[in-house]
Amino acid sequence: MIAFLTAFLTGMIAACAYLCVRKLRRVIRHSLTAVAVEDGLYWTGTSVYIFVQIYSTSSGSIRWYFVIGAGLGLIVFLLFVRFFRKIGAGLYKKRNEKSAKKC
């Protein structure tokens, strides 16, 4: 059970890291070369991180529960982000409606 939770957290961390890379691209404009380099660094770093997690959790052998746990962690994180983004957009819309009524 601990190994599955570790895998779940690994997937969440990988998704969060990629979300941070995407947000950085929105803040600072990048050329196609810079995007390719960033993606290469992300995937290399993520591969090393996942390998270390697999090695420390299941002695280096890939188990299906680790793959499924990491995939579920990634999906759950992205669903949480989408959910909170919708809540934030709704609150922003309500705030703007209230300020428009005051004018």
PDB file of N, CA and C in Angstrom:
ATOM      1  N   MET A   1       0.819  -1.190   0.000  1.00  0.00           N
ATOM      2  CA  MET A   1       0.000   0.000   0.000  1.00  0.00           C
ATOM      3  C   MET A   1       0.871   1.264   0.000  1.00  0.00           C
ATOM      4  N   ILE A   2       1.946   1.259   0.766  1.00  0.00           N
ATOM      5  CA  ILE A   2       2.854   2.412   0.806  1.00  0.00           C
ATOM      6  C   ILE A   2       3.483   2.631  -0.571  1.00  0.00           C
ATOM      7  N   ALA A   3       3.810   1.545  -1.258  1.00  0.00           N
ATOM      8  CA  ALA A   3       4.425   1.669  -2.580  1.00  0.00           C
ATOM      9  C   ALA A   3       3.449   2.292  -3.573  1.00  0.00           C
ATOM     10  N   PHE A   4       2.173   1.923  -3.493  1.00  0.00           N
ATOM     11  CA  PHE A   4       1.171   2.499  -4.389  1.00  0.00           C
ATOM     12  C   PHE A   4       1.002   3.987  -4.108  1.00  0.00           C
ATOM     13  N   LEU A   5       0.972   4.359  -2.838  1.00  0.00           N
ATOM     14  CA  LEU A   5       0.857   5.781  -2.487  1.00  0.00           C
ATOM     15  C   LEU A   5       2.084   6.567  -2.929  1.00  0.00           C
ATOM     16  N   THR A   6       3.251   5.941  -2.836  1.00  0.00           N
ATOM     17  CA  THR A   6       4.474   6.583  -3.324  1.00  0.00           C
ATOM     18  C   THR A   6       4.386   6.800  -4.832  1.00  0.00           C
ATOM     19  N   ALA A   7       3.876   5.802  -5.540  1.00  0.00           N
ATOM     20  CA  ALA A   7       3.706   5.930  -6.987  1.00  0.00           C
ATOM     21  C   ALA A   7       2.696   7.023  -7.318  1.00  0.00           C
ATOM     22  N   PHE A   8       1.610   7.078  -6.558  1.00  0.00           N
ATOM     23  CA  PHE A   8       0.583   8.099  -6.751  1.00  0.00           C
ATOM     24  C   PHE A   8       1.186   9.491  -6.578  1.00  0.00           C
ATOM     25  N   LEU A   9       1.956   9.673  -5.528  1.00  0.00           N
ATOM     26  CA  LEU A   9       2.611  10.956  -5.272  1.00  0.00           C
ATOM     27  C   LEU A   9       3.634  11.283  -6.355  1.00  0.00           C
ATOM     28  N   THR A  10       4.316  10.274  -6.869  1.00  0.00           N
ATOM     29  CA  THR A  10       5.282  10.474  -7.951  1.00  0.00           C
ATOM     30  C   THR A  10       4.589  11.029  -9.189  1.00  0.00           C
ATOM     31  N   GLY A  11       3.437  10.471  -9.523  1.00  0.00           N
ATOM     32  CA  GLY A  11       2.673  10.974 -10.663  1.00  0.00           C
ATOM     33  C   GLY A  11       2.209  12.401 -10.449  1.00  0.00           C
ATOM     34  N   MET A  12       1.775  12.712  -9.225  1.00  0.00           N
ATOM     35  CA  MET A  12       1.331  14.075  -8.931  1.00  0.00           C
ATOM     36  C   MET A  12       2.482  15.074  -9.043  1.00  0.00           C
ATOM     37  N   ILE A  13       3.645  14.692  -8.566  1.00  0.00           N
ATOM     38  CA  ILE A  13       4.813  15.577  -8.628  1.00  0.00           C
ATOM     39  C   ILE A  13       5.246  15.808 -10.075  1.00  0.00           C
ATOM     40  N   ALA A  14       5.220  14.752 -10.888  1.00  0.00           N
ATOM     41  CA  ALA A  14       5.589  14.899 -12.302  1.00  0.00           C
ATOM     42  C   ALA A  14       4.617  15.833 -13.023  1.00  0.00           C
ATOM     43  N   ALA A  15       3.322  15.703 -12.738  1.00  0.00           N
ATOM     44  CA  ALA A  15       2.328  16.577 -13.365  1.00  0.00           C
ATOM     45  C   ALA A  15       2.499  18.022 -12.893  1.00  0.00           C
ATOM     46  N   CYS A  16       2.769  18.201 -11.624  1.00  0.00           N
ATOM     47  CA  CYS A  16       2.963  19.544 -11.074  1.00  0.00           C
ATOM     48  C   CYS A  16       4.190  20.208 -11.696  1.00  0.00           C
ATOM     49  N   ALA A  17       5.247  19.450 -11.873  1.00  0.00           N
ATOM     50  CA  ALA A  17       6.462  20.008 -12.480  1.00  0.00           C
ATOM     51  C   ALA A  17       6.186  20.464 -13.910  1.00  0.00           C
ATOM     52  N   TYR A  18       5.425  19.669 -14.671  1.00  0.00           N
ATOM     53  CA  TYR A  18       5.137  20.062 -16.045  1.00  0.00           C
ATOM     54  C   TYR A  18       4.209  21.273 -16.085  1.00  0.00           C
ATOM     55  N   LEU A  19       3.285  21.343 -15.144  1.00  0.00           N
ATOM     56  CA  LEU A  19       2.410  22.503 -15.055  1.00  0.00           C
ATOM     57  C   LEU A  19       3.230  23.773 -14.796  1.00  0.00           C
ATOM     58  N   CYS A  20       4.249  23.663 -13.960  1.00  0.00           N
ATOM     59  CA  CYS A  20       5.129  24.809 -13.689  1.00  0.00           C
ATOM     60  C   CYS A  20       5.894  25.219 -14.941  1.00  0.00           C
ATOM     61  N   VAL A  21       6.346  24.242 -15.722  1.00  0.00           N
ATOM     62  CA  VAL A  21       7.045  24.550 -16.972  1.00  0.00           C
ATOM     63  C   VAL A  21       6.107  25.277 -17.932  1.00  0.00           C
ATOM     64  N   ARG A  22       4.866  24.815 -18.026  1.00  0.00           N
ATOM     65  CA  ARG A  22       3.886  25.458 -18.904  1.00  0.00           C
ATOM     66  C   ARG A  22       3.593  26.890 -18.458  1.00  0.00           C
ATOM     67  N   LYS A  23       3.471  27.097 -17.146  1.00  0.00           N
ATOM     68  CA  LYS A  23       3.199  28.454 -16.638  1.00  0.00           C
ATOM     69  C   LYS A  23       4.384  29.377 -16.914  1.00  0.00           C
ATOM     70  N   LEU A  24       5.595  28.862 -16.794  1.00  0.00           N
ATOM     71  CA  LEU A  24       6.788  29.649 -17.094  1.00  0.00           C
ATOM     72  C   LEU A  24       6.784  30.100 -18.549  1.00  0.00           C
ATOM     73  N   ARG A  25       6.311  29.220 -19.446  1.00  0.00           N
ATOM     74  CA  ARG A  25       6.248  29.576 -20.861  1.00  0.00           C
ATOM     75  C   ARG A  25       5.239  30.684 -21.124  1.00  0.00           C
ATOM     76  N   ARG A  26       4.177  30.743 -20.314  1.00  0.00           N
ATOM     77  CA  ARG A  26       3.191  31.808 -20.504  1.00  0.00           C
ATOM     78  C   ARG A  26       3.716  33.146 -19.990  1.00  0.00           C
ATOM     79  N   VAL A  27       4.538  33.102 -18.949  1.00  0.00           N
ATOM     80  CA  VAL A  27       5.072  34.333 -18.377  1.00  0.00           C
ATOM     81  C   VAL A  27       6.186  34.892 -19.252  1.00  0.00           C
ATOM     82  N   ILE A  28       7.075  34.021 -19.715  1.00  0.00           N
ATOM     83  CA  ILE A  28       8.219  34.426 -20.531  1.00  0.00           C
ATOM     84  C   ILE A  28       8.098  33.749 -21.894  1.00  0.00           C
ATOM     85  N   ARG A  29       8.055  34.535 -22.931  1.00  0.00           N
ATOM     86  CA  ARG A  29       7.970  33.987 -24.289  1.00  0.00           C
ATOM     87  C   ARG A  29       9.243  33.206 -24.611  1.00  0.00           C
ATOM     88  N   HIS A  30       9.060  32.049 -25.272  1.00  0.00           N
ATOM     89  CA  HIS A  30      10.184  31.190 -25.619  1.00  0.00           C
ATOM     90  C   HIS A  30      10.184  30.912 -27.119  1.00  0.00           C
ATOM     91  N   SER A  31      11.377  30.753 -27.656  1.00  0.00           N
ATOM     92  CA  SER A  31      11.492  30.312 -29.038  1.00  0.00           C
ATOM     93  C   SER A  31      11.251  28.803 -29.088  1.00  0.00           C
ATOM     94  N   LEU A  32      11.091  28.281 -30.281  1.00  0.00           N
ATOM     95  CA  LEU A  32      10.879  26.833 -30.417  1.00  0.00           C
ATOM     96  C   LEU A  32      12.081  26.037 -29.903  1.00  0.00           C
ATOM     97  N   THR A  33      13.261  26.583 -30.082  1.00  0.00           N
ATOM     98  CA  THR A  33      14.460  25.913 -29.585  1.00  0.00           C
ATOM     99  C   THR A  33      14.451  25.851 -28.062  1.00  0.00           C
ATOM    100  N   ALA A  34      14.080  26.946 -27.427  1.00  0.00           N
ATOM    101  CA  ALA A  34      14.025  26.980 -25.961  1.00  0.00           C
ATOM    102  C   ALA A  34      12.965  26.016 -25.435  1.00  0.00           C
ATOM    103  N   VAL A  35      11.830  25.939 -26.117  1.00  0.00           N
ATOM    104  CA  VAL A  35      10.777  25.005 -25.708  1.00  0.00           C
ATOM    105  C   VAL A  35      11.275  23.569 -25.829  1.00  0.00           C
ATOM    106  N   ALA A  36      11.975  23.265 -26.907  1.00  0.00           N
ATOM    107  CA  ALA A  36      12.505  21.915 -27.095  1.00  0.00           C
ATOM    108  C   ALA A  36      13.533  21.574 -26.017  1.00  0.00           C
ATOM    109  N   VAL A  37      14.387  22.523 -25.676  1.00  0.00           N
ATOM    110  CA  VAL A  37      15.381  22.293 -24.626  1.00  0.00           C
ATOM    111  C   VAL A  37      14.697  22.090 -23.270  1.00  0.00           C
ATOM    112  N   GLU A  38      13.700  22.940 -22.970  1.00  0.00           N
ATOM    113  CA  GLU A  38      12.963  22.790 -21.709  1.00  0.00           C
ATOM    114  C   GLU A  38      12.283  21.433 -21.623  1.00  0.00           C
ATOM    115  N   ASP A  39      11.629  21.020 -22.713  1.00  0.00           N
ATOM    116  CA  ASP A  39      10.970  19.713 -22.715  1.00  0.00           C
ATOM    117  C   ASP A  39      11.979  18.587 -22.531  1.00  0.00           C
ATOM    118  N   GLY A  40      13.112  18.699 -23.189  1.00  0.00           N
ATOM    119  CA  GLY A  40      14.147  17.678 -23.033  1.00  0.00           C
ATOM    120  C   GLY A  40      14.643  17.590 -21.598  1.00  0.00           C
ATOM    121  N   LEU A  41      14.864  18.753 -20.983  1.00  0.00           N
ATOM    122  CA  LEU A  41      15.297  18.770 -19.584  1.00  0.00           C
ATOM    123  C   LEU A  41      14.216  18.225 -18.660  1.00  0.00           C
ATOM    124  N   TYR A  42      12.958  18.594 -18.928  1.00  0.00           N
ATOM    125  CA  TYR A  42      11.856  18.088 -18.106  1.00  0.00           C
ATOM    126  C   TYR A  42      11.779  16.565 -18.187  1.00  0.00           C
ATOM    127  N   TRP A  43      11.771  16.030 -19.403  1.00  0.00           N
ATOM    128  CA  TRP A  43      11.624  14.580 -19.556  1.00  0.00           C
ATOM    129  C   TRP A  43      12.834  13.827 -19.027  1.00  0.00           C
ATOM    130  N   THR A  44      14.015  14.390 -19.167  1.00  0.00           N
ATOM    131  CA  THR A  44      15.200  13.747 -18.598  1.00  0.00           C
ATOM    132  C   THR A  44      15.118  13.742 -17.073  1.00  0.00           C
ATOM    133  N   GLY A  45      14.787  14.886 -16.495  1.00  0.00           N
ATOM    134  CA  GLY A  45      14.659  14.972 -15.039  1.00  0.00           C
ATOM    135  C   GLY A  45      13.551  14.086 -14.499  1.00  0.00           C
ATOM    136  N   THR A  46      12.416  14.071 -15.189  1.00  0.00           N
ATOM    137  CA  THR A  46      11.296  13.236 -14.760  1.00  0.00           C
ATOM    138  C   THR A  46      11.648  11.754 -14.864  1.00  0.00           C
ATOM    139  N   SER A  47      12.345  11.386 -15.919  1.00  0.00           N
ATOM    140  CA  SER A  47      12.756   9.983 -16.079  1.00  0.00           C
ATOM    141  C   SER A  47      13.677   9.547 -14.949  1.00  0.00           C
ATOM    142  N   VAL A  48      14.627  10.400 -14.611  1.00  0.00           N
ATOM    143  CA  VAL A  48      15.541  10.074 -13.513  1.00  0.00           C
ATOM    144  C   VAL A  48      14.771   9.983 -12.195  1.00  0.00           C
ATOM    145  N   TYR A  49      13.878  10.936 -11.961  1.00  0.00           N
ATOM    146  CA  TYR A  49      13.094  10.939 -10.721  1.00  0.00           C
ATOM    147  C   TYR A  49      12.231   9.681 -10.605  1.00  0.00           C
ATOM    148  N   ILE A  50      11.536   9.321 -11.683  1.00  0.00           N
ATOM    149  CA  ILE A  50      10.684   8.128 -11.643  1.00  0.00           C
ATOM    150  C   ILE A  50      11.533   6.878 -11.482  1.00  0.00           C
ATOM    151  N   PHE A  51      12.686   6.816 -12.144  1.00  0.00           N
ATOM    152  CA  PHE A  51      13.566   5.662 -11.993  1.00  0.00           C
ATOM    153  C   PHE A  51      14.010   5.512 -10.538  1.00  0.00           C
ATOM    154  N   VAL A  52      14.403   6.617  -9.918  1.00  0.00           N
ATOM    155  CA  VAL A  52      14.836   6.564  -8.518  1.00  0.00           C
ATOM    156  C   VAL A  52      13.687   6.106  -7.623  1.00  0.00           C
ATOM    157  N   GLN A  53      12.478   6.597  -7.891  1.00  0.00           N
ATOM    158  CA  GLN A  53      11.323   6.188  -7.096  1.00  0.00           C
ATOM    159  C   GLN A  53      11.031   4.696  -7.273  1.00  0.00           C
ATOM    160  N   ILE A  54      11.085   4.212  -8.504  1.00  0.00           N
ATOM    161  CA  ILE A  54      10.861   2.785  -8.752  1.00  0.00           C
ATOM    162  C   ILE A  54      11.941   1.971  -8.071  1.00  0.00           C
ATOM    163  N   TYR A  55      13.180   2.403  -8.192  1.00  0.00           N
ATOM    164  CA  TYR A  55      14.292   1.655  -7.604  1.00  0.00           C
ATOM    165  C   TYR A  55      14.170   1.588  -6.087  1.00  0.00           C
ATOM    166  N   SER A  56      13.806   2.694  -5.466  1.00  0.00           N
ATOM    167  CA  SER A  56      13.720   2.696  -4.004  1.00  0.00           C
ATOM    168  C   SER A  56      12.453   2.009  -3.498  1.00  0.00           C
ATOM    169  N   THR A  57      11.392   1.997  -4.296  1.00  0.00           N
ATOM    170  CA  THR A  57      10.139   1.398  -3.861  1.00  0.00           C
ATOM    171  C   THR A  57      10.104  -0.107  -4.087  1.00  0.00           C
ATOM    172  N   SER A  58      10.524  -0.546  -5.263  1.00  0.00           N
ATOM    173  CA  SER A  58      10.378  -1.970  -5.591  1.00  0.00           C
ATOM    174  C   SER A  58      11.682  -2.597  -6.070  1.00  0.00           C
ATOM    175  N   SER A  59      12.785  -2.148  -5.554  1.00  0.00           N
ATOM    176  CA  SER A  59      14.106  -2.707  -5.843  1.00  0.00           C
ATOM    177  C   SER A  59      14.436  -2.737  -7.331  1.00  0.00           C
ATOM    178  N   GLY A  60      13.963  -1.776  -8.061  1.00  0.00           N
ATOM    179  CA  GLY A  60      14.335  -1.636  -9.459  1.00  0.00           C
ATOM    180  C   GLY A  60      13.463  -2.370 -10.453  1.00  0.00           C
ATOM    181  N   SER A  61      12.585  -3.242 -10.007  1.00  0.00           N
ATOM    182  CA  SER A  61      11.719  -3.938 -10.960  1.00  0.00           C
ATOM    183  C   SER A  61      10.415  -3.155 -11.118  1.00  0.00           C
ATOM    184  N   ILE A  62      10.001  -3.041 -12.359  1.00  0.00           N
ATOM    185  CA  ILE A  62       8.787  -2.277 -12.635  1.00  0.00           C
ATOM    186  C   ILE A  62       7.586  -3.146 -12.303  1.00  0.00           C
ATOM    187  N   ARG A  63       6.756  -2.649 -11.443  1.00  0.00           N
ATOM    188  CA  ARG A  63       5.525  -3.335 -11.044  1.00  0.00           C
ATOM    189  C   ARG A  63       4.338  -2.568 -11.608  1.00  0.00           C
ATOM    190  N   TRP A  64       3.283  -3.292 -11.936  1.00  0.00           N
ATOM    191  CA  TRP A  64       2.111  -2.653 -12.517  1.00  0.00           C
ATOM    192  C   TRP A  64       1.457  -1.672 -11.564  1.00  0.00           C
ATOM    193  N   TYR A  65       1.505  -1.978 -10.274  1.00  0.00           N
ATOM    194  CA  TYR A  65       0.880  -1.052  -9.331  1.00  0.00           C
ATOM    195  C   TYR A  65       1.598   0.289  -9.323  1.00  0.00           C
ATOM    196  N   PHE A  66       2.892   0.299  -9.606  1.00  0.00           N
ATOM    197  CA  PHE A  66       3.611   1.567  -9.656  1.00  0.00           C
ATOM    198  C   PHE A  66       3.201   2.361 -10.893  1.00  0.00           C
ATOM    199  N   VAL A  67       3.095   1.686 -12.022  1.00  0.00           N
ATOM    200  CA  VAL A  67       2.698   2.354 -13.262  1.00  0.00           C
ATOM    201  C   VAL A  67       1.275   2.898 -13.129  1.00  0.00           C
ATOM    202  N   ILE A  68       0.369   2.079 -12.600  1.00  0.00           N
ATOM    203  CA  ILE A  68      -1.019   2.508 -12.423  1.00  0.00           C
ATOM    204  C   ILE A  68      -1.113   3.633 -11.399  1.00  0.00           C
ATOM    205  N   GLY A  69      -0.378   3.520 -10.306  1.00  0.00           N
ATOM    206  CA  GLY A  69      -0.392   4.562  -9.278  1.00  0.00           C
ATOM    207  C   GLY A  69       0.118   5.890  -9.795  1.00  0.00           C
ATOM    208  N   ALA A  70       1.204   5.866 -10.554  1.00  0.00           N
ATOM    209  CA  ALA A  70       1.751   7.108 -11.112  1.00  0.00           C
ATOM    210  C   ALA A  70       0.775   7.715 -12.118  1.00  0.00           C
ATOM    211  N   GLY A  71       0.158   6.880 -12.929  1.00  0.00           N
ATOM    212  CA  GLY A  71      -0.830   7.379 -13.887  1.00  0.00           C
ATOM    213  C   GLY A  71      -2.040   7.984 -13.199  1.00  0.00           C
ATOM    214  N   LEU A  72      -2.523   7.327 -12.151  1.00  0.00           N
ATOM    215  CA  LEU A  72      -3.662   7.865 -11.405  1.00  0.00           C
ATOM    216  C   LEU A  72      -3.294   9.173 -10.700  1.00  0.00           C
ATOM    217  N   GLY A  73      -2.095   9.247 -10.163  1.00  0.00           N
ATOM    218  CA  GLY A  73      -1.645  10.481  -9.519  1.00  0.00           C
ATOM    219  C   GLY A  73      -1.618  11.639 -10.494  1.00  0.00           C
ATOM    220  N   LEU A  74      -1.136  11.384 -11.699  1.00  0.00           N
ATOM    221  CA  LEU A  74      -1.101  12.411 -12.730  1.00  0.00           C
ATOM    222  C   LEU A  74      -2.514  12.855 -13.094  1.00  0.00           C
ATOM    223  N   ILE A  75      -3.417  11.910 -13.303  1.00  0.00           N
ATOM    224  CA  ILE A  75      -4.793  12.235 -13.683  1.00  0.00           C
ATOM    225  C   ILE A  75      -5.504  12.997 -12.575  1.00  0.00           C
ATOM    226  N   VAL A  76      -5.364  12.545 -11.334  1.00  0.00           N
ATOM    227  CA  VAL A  76      -6.032  13.217 -10.209  1.00  0.00           C
ATOM    228  C   VAL A  76      -5.515  14.639 -10.049  1.00  0.00           C
ATOM    229  N   PHE A  77      -4.214  14.835 -10.194  1.00  0.00           N
ATOM    230  CA  PHE A  77      -3.660  16.188 -10.081  1.00  0.00           C
ATOM    231  C   PHE A  77      -4.234  17.100 -11.161  1.00  0.00           C
ATOM    232  N   LEU A  78      -4.284  16.618 -12.397  1.00  0.00           N
ATOM    233  CA  LEU A  78      -4.813  17.443 -13.479  1.00  0.00           C
ATOM    234  C   LEU A  78      -6.296  17.734 -13.289  1.00  0.00           C
ATOM    235  N   LEU A  79      -7.058  16.787 -12.739  1.00  0.00           N
ATOM    236  CA  LEU A  79      -8.475  17.029 -12.455  1.00  0.00           C
ATOM    237  C   LEU A  79      -8.645  18.073 -11.349  1.00  0.00           C
ATOM    238  N   PHE A  80      -7.806  18.011 -10.308  1.00  0.00           N
ATOM    239  CA  PHE A  80      -7.846  19.028  -9.255  1.00  0.00           C
ATOM    240  C   PHE A  80      -7.542  20.412  -9.805  1.00  0.00           C
ATOM    241  N   VAL A  81      -6.539  20.495 -10.655  1.00  0.00           N
ATOM    242  CA  VAL A  81      -6.177  21.785 -11.250  1.00  0.00           C
ATOM    243  C   VAL A  81      -7.344  22.329 -12.077  1.00  0.00           C
ATOM    244  N   ARG A  82      -7.955  21.469 -12.877  1.00  0.00           N
ATOM    245  CA  ARG A  82      -9.084  21.904 -13.698  1.00  0.00           C
ATOM    246  C   ARG A  82     -10.254  22.343 -12.821  1.00  0.00           C
ATOM    247  N   PHE A  83     -10.529  21.603 -11.749  1.00  0.00           N
ATOM    248  CA  PHE A  83     -11.620  21.935 -10.833  1.00  0.00           C
ATOM    249  C   PHE A  83     -11.396  23.295 -10.178  1.00  0.00           C
ATOM    250  N   PHE A  84     -10.198  23.515  -9.651  1.00  0.00           N
ATOM    251  CA  PHE A  84      -9.914  24.786  -8.984  1.00  0.00           C
ATOM    252  C   PHE A  84      -9.840  25.944  -9.969  1.00  0.00           C
ATOM    253  N   ARG A  85      -9.445  25.677 -11.203  1.00  0.00           N
ATOM    254  CA  ARG A  85      -9.434  26.719 -12.223  1.00  0.00           C
ATOM    255  C   ARG A  85     -10.866  27.162 -12.529  1.00  0.00           C
ATOM    256  N   LYS A  86     -11.804  26.208 -12.606  1.00  0.00           N
ATOM    257  CA  LYS A  86     -13.207  26.556 -12.848  1.00  0.00           C
ATOM    258  C   LYS A  86     -13.793  27.336 -11.678  1.00  0.00           C
ATOM    259  N   ILE A  87     -13.453  26.936 -10.464  1.00  0.00           N
ATOM    260  CA  ILE A  87     -13.924  27.671  -9.291  1.00  0.00           C
ATOM    261  C   ILE A  87     -13.376  29.102  -9.316  1.00  0.00           C
ATOM    262  N   GLY A  88     -12.100  29.241  -9.613  1.00  0.00           N
ATOM    263  CA  GLY A  88     -11.490  30.569  -9.678  1.00  0.00           C
ATOM    264  C   GLY A  88     -12.105  31.420 -10.773  1.00  0.00           C
ATOM    265  N   ALA A  89     -12.396  30.827 -11.919  1.00  0.00           N
ATOM    266  CA  ALA A  89     -13.014  31.581 -13.007  1.00  0.00           C
ATOM    267  C   ALA A  89     -14.421  32.015 -12.616  1.00  0.00           C
ATOM    268  N   GLY A  90     -15.151  31.159 -11.922  1.00  0.00           N
ATOM    269  CA  GLY A  90     -16.496  31.511 -11.468  1.00  0.00           C
ATOM    270  C   GLY A  90     -16.464  32.646 -10.461  1.00  0.00           C
ATOM    271  N   LEU A  91     -15.531  32.591  -9.531  1.00  0.00           N
ATOM    272  CA  LEU A  91     -15.402  33.667  -8.548  1.00  0.00           C
ATOM    273  C   LEU A  91     -14.999  34.975  -9.210  1.00  0.00           C
ATOM    274  N   TYR A  92     -14.121  34.900 -10.174  1.00  0.00           N
ATOM    275  CA  TYR A  92     -13.676  36.098 -10.893  1.00  0.00           C
ATOM    276  C   TYR A  92     -14.848  36.709 -11.655  1.00  0.00           C
ATOM    277  N   LYS A  93     -15.653  35.849 -12.272  1.00  0.00           N
ATOM    278  CA  LYS A  93     -16.809  36.330 -13.027  1.00  0.00           C
ATOM    279  C   LYS A  93     -17.820  37.001 -12.104  1.00  0.00           C
ATOM    280  N   LYS A  94     -18.092  36.398 -10.935  1.00  0.00           N
ATOM    281  CA  LYS A  94     -19.034  36.985  -9.979  1.00  0.00           C
ATOM    282  C   LYS A  94     -18.531  38.332  -9.473  1.00  0.00           C
ATOM    283  N   ARG A  95     -17.234  38.422  -9.221  1.00  0.00           N
ATOM    284  CA  ARG A  95     -16.661  39.670  -8.736  1.00  0.00           C
ATOM    285  C   ARG A  95     -16.800  40.773  -9.775  1.00  0.00           C
ATOM    286  N   ASN A  96     -16.571  40.428 -11.026  1.00  0.00           N
ATOM    287  CA  ASN A  96     -16.698  41.424 -12.091  1.00  0.00           C
ATOM    288  C   ASN A  96     -18.151  41.848 -12.286  1.00  0.00           C
ATOM    289  N   GLU A  97     -19.085  40.911 -12.111  1.00  0.00           N
ATOM    290  CA  GLU A  97     -20.499  41.263 -12.227  1.00  0.00           C
ATOM    291  C   GLU A  97     -20.909  42.230 -11.126  1.00  0.00           C
ATOM    292  N   LYS A  98     -20.419  42.007  -9.901  1.00  0.00           N
ATOM    293  CA  LYS A  98     -20.734  42.886  -8.791  1.00  0.00           C
ATOM    294  C   LYS A  98     -20.155  44.281  -9.002  1.00  0.00           C
ATOM    295  N   SER A  99     -18.933  44.337  -9.502  1.00  0.00           N
ATOM    296  CA  SER A  99     -18.312  45.651  -9.726  1.00  0.00           C
ATOM    297  C   SER A  99     -18.984  46.375 -10.876  1.00  0.00           C
ATOM    298  N   ALA A 100     -19.504  45.646 -11.864  1.00  0.00           N
ATOM    299  CA  ALA A 100     -20.206  46.285 -12.976  1.00  0.00           C
ATOM    300  C   ALA A 100     -21.545  46.863 -12.514  1.00  0.00           C
ATOM    301  N   LYS A 101     -22.198  46.201 -11.551  1.00  0.00           N
ATOM    302  CA  LYS A 101     -23.480  46.699 -11.032  1.00  0.00           C
ATOM    303  C   LYS A 101     -23.308  47.979 -10.222  1.00  0.00           C
ATOM    304  N   LYS A 102     -22.155  48.137  -9.575  1.00  0.00           N
ATOM    305  CA  LYS A 102     -21.891  49.334  -8.770  1.00  0.00           C
ATOM    306  C   LYS A 102     -21.753  50.574  -9.633  1.00  0.00           C
ATOM    307  N   CYS A 103     -21.266  50.394 -10.855  1.00  0.00           N
ATOM    308  CA  CYS A 103     -21.027  51.552 -11.727  1.00  0.00           C
ATOM    309  C   CYS A 103     -22.259  52.081 -12.320  1.00  0.00           C
TER     310      CYS A 103
END
